[in-house]
Amino acid sequence: MKDLSKYIETLIVDTKLGGDCKVYYNGGDCYVIDLYVKDIGYNNDFVKLHVKELILDIINTYFPKGNVTCVVNVEILS
């Protein structure tokens, strides 16, 4: 599979979650998505879970389900 990390990063940045995003190609069909947010409102496990689900929904919208595997990390910047 071709490295689509910049394309995936663009999709996530367009959501305007209020943070920085880095996407790393991990080989095969696996990507690691690191989202760094500055808002204290994200410092809640429930909110982090929903942000991760939002990002995975975006990925599943643009790629057929199962074709791209992602690991999403949400980090709070202080």
C-alpha atoms as a PDB file:
ATOM      1  CA  MET A   1       0.000   0.000   0.000  1.00  0.00           C
ATOM      2  CA  LYS A   2       1.137   3.522  -0.770  1.00  0.00           C
ATOM      3  CA  ASP A   3       1.936   5.931   2.095  1.00  0.00           C
ATOM      4  CA  LEU A   4      -1.232   8.003   2.574  1.00  0.00           C
ATOM      5  CA  SER A   5      -0.195   9.677   5.834  1.00  0.00           C
ATOM      6  CA  LYS A   6      -0.277  13.247   4.445  1.00  0.00           C
ATOM      7  CA  TYR A   7      -3.737  12.661   2.959  1.00  0.00           C
ATOM      8  CA  ILE A   8      -5.065  11.260   6.253  1.00  0.00           C
ATOM      9  CA  GLU A   9      -3.487  14.172   8.129  1.00  0.00           C
ATOM     10  CA  THR A  10      -5.298  16.625   5.828  1.00  0.00           C
ATOM     11  CA  LEU A  11      -8.641  14.915   6.501  1.00  0.00           C
ATOM     12  CA  ILE A  12      -8.181  15.223  10.254  1.00  0.00           C
ATOM     13  CA  VAL A  13      -6.877  18.811  10.193  1.00  0.00           C
ATOM     14  CA  ASP A  14      -9.978  19.823   8.214  1.00  0.00           C
ATOM     15  CA  THR A  15     -12.170  18.828  11.183  1.00  0.00           C
ATOM     16  CA  LYS A  16     -10.743  21.799  13.141  1.00  0.00           C
ATOM     17  CA  LEU A  17     -10.455  19.991  16.466  1.00  0.00           C
ATOM     18  CA  GLY A  18      -8.171  22.749  17.705  1.00  0.00           C
ATOM     19  CA  GLY A  19      -4.864  20.929  17.814  1.00  0.00           C
ATOM     20  CA  ASP A  20      -1.944  19.589  15.850  1.00  0.00           C
ATOM     21  CA  CYS A  21      -2.046  16.251  14.104  1.00  0.00           C
ATOM     22  CA  LYS A  22       0.760  13.957  12.988  1.00  0.00           C
ATOM     23  CA  VAL A  23       0.177  10.770  11.026  1.00  0.00           C
ATOM     24  CA  TYR A  24       2.865   8.121  10.683  1.00  0.00           C
ATOM     25  CA  TYR A  25       2.873   5.244   8.214  1.00  0.00           C
ATOM     26  CA  ASN A  26       3.670   2.056  10.120  1.00  0.00           C
ATOM     27  CA  GLY A  27       3.892  -0.234   7.102  1.00  0.00           C
ATOM     28  CA  GLY A  28       1.304  -2.414   5.420  1.00  0.00           C
ATOM     29  CA  ASP A  29      -2.092  -0.826   6.007  1.00  0.00           C
ATOM     30  CA  CYS A  30      -1.367   0.550   9.501  1.00  0.00           C
ATOM     31  CA  TYR A  31      -1.154   4.216  10.485  1.00  0.00           C
ATOM     32  CA  VAL A  32      -0.479   5.879  13.817  1.00  0.00           C
ATOM     33  CA  ILE A  33      -2.389   9.121  14.376  1.00  0.00           C
ATOM     34  CA  ASP A  34      -1.175  11.443  17.131  1.00  0.00           C
ATOM     35  CA  LEU A  35      -3.504  14.320  17.952  1.00  0.00           C
ATOM     36  CA  TYR A  36      -2.152  17.049  20.223  1.00  0.00           C
ATOM     37  CA  VAL A  37      -4.892  19.318  21.594  1.00  0.00           C
ATOM     38  CA  LYS A  38      -4.605  22.383  23.804  1.00  0.00           C
ATOM     39  CA  ASP A  39      -8.124  22.594  25.203  1.00  0.00           C
ATOM     40  CA  ILE A  40      -8.547  21.357  28.772  1.00  0.00           C
ATOM     41  CA  GLY A  41     -11.965  19.977  27.769  1.00  0.00           C
ATOM     42  CA  TYR A  42     -10.235  17.063  26.057  1.00  0.00           C
ATOM     43  CA  ASN A  43      -8.655  16.029  29.373  1.00  0.00           C
ATOM     44  CA  ASN A  44     -11.436  13.538  30.034  1.00  0.00           C
ATOM     45  CA  ASP A  45     -11.390   9.847  29.087  1.00  0.00           C
ATOM     46  CA  PHE A  46     -14.977  10.017  27.808  1.00  0.00           C
ATOM     47  CA  VAL A  47     -14.169  12.959  25.505  1.00  0.00           C
ATOM     48  CA  LYS A  48     -10.922  11.344  24.306  1.00  0.00           C
ATOM     49  CA  LEU A  49     -12.870   8.200  23.386  1.00  0.00           C
ATOM     50  CA  HIS A  50     -15.331  10.213  21.314  1.00  0.00           C
ATOM     51  CA  VAL A  51     -12.531  12.103  19.559  1.00  0.00           C
ATOM     52  CA  LYS A  52     -10.910   8.773  18.674  1.00  0.00           C
ATOM     53  CA  GLU A  53     -14.243   7.476  17.339  1.00  0.00           C
ATOM     54  CA  LEU A  54     -14.679  10.673  15.290  1.00  0.00           C
ATOM     55  CA  ILE A  55     -11.282  10.206  13.691  1.00  0.00           C
ATOM     56  CA  LEU A  56     -11.958   6.534  12.951  1.00  0.00           C
ATOM     57  CA  ASP A  57     -15.327   7.489  11.396  1.00  0.00           C
ATOM     58  CA  ILE A  58     -13.524   9.963   9.143  1.00  0.00           C
ATOM     59  CA  ILE A  59     -11.078   7.244   8.067  1.00  0.00           C
ATOM     60  CA  ASN A  60     -13.930   4.799   7.393  1.00  0.00           C
ATOM     61  CA  THR A  61     -15.733   7.443   5.322  1.00  0.00           C
ATOM     62  CA  TYR A  62     -12.841   7.899   2.903  1.00  0.00           C
ATOM     63  CA  PHE A  63     -11.483   4.346   2.878  1.00  0.00           C
ATOM     64  CA  PRO A  64     -13.463   1.106   2.705  1.00  0.00           C
ATOM     65  CA  LYS A  65     -13.792  -0.338   6.205  1.00  0.00           C
ATOM     66  CA  GLY A  66     -10.946  -2.688   6.982  1.00  0.00           C
ATOM     67  CA  ASN A  67      -8.564  -1.389   4.289  1.00  0.00           C
ATOM     68  CA  VAL A  68      -6.774   1.000   6.652  1.00  0.00           C
ATOM     69  CA  THR A  69      -5.927   0.222  10.261  1.00  0.00           C
ATOM     70  CA  CYS A  70      -5.321   3.160  12.599  1.00  0.00           C
ATOM     71  CA  VAL A  71      -4.128   3.669  16.125  1.00  0.00           C
ATOM     72  CA  VAL A  72      -5.285   7.023  17.497  1.00  0.00           C
ATOM     73  CA  ASN A  73      -3.537   8.763  20.385  1.00  0.00           C
ATOM     74  CA  VAL A  74      -4.968  11.945  21.919  1.00  0.00           C
ATOM     75  CA  GLU A  75      -2.490  13.973  23.960  1.00  0.00           C
ATOM     76  CA  ILE A  76      -3.265  17.103  26.010  1.00  0.00           C
ATOM     77  CA  LEU A  77      -0.718  19.917  25.775  1.00  0.00           C
ATOM     78  CA  SER A  78      -0.320  21.951  28.922  1.00  0.00           C
END
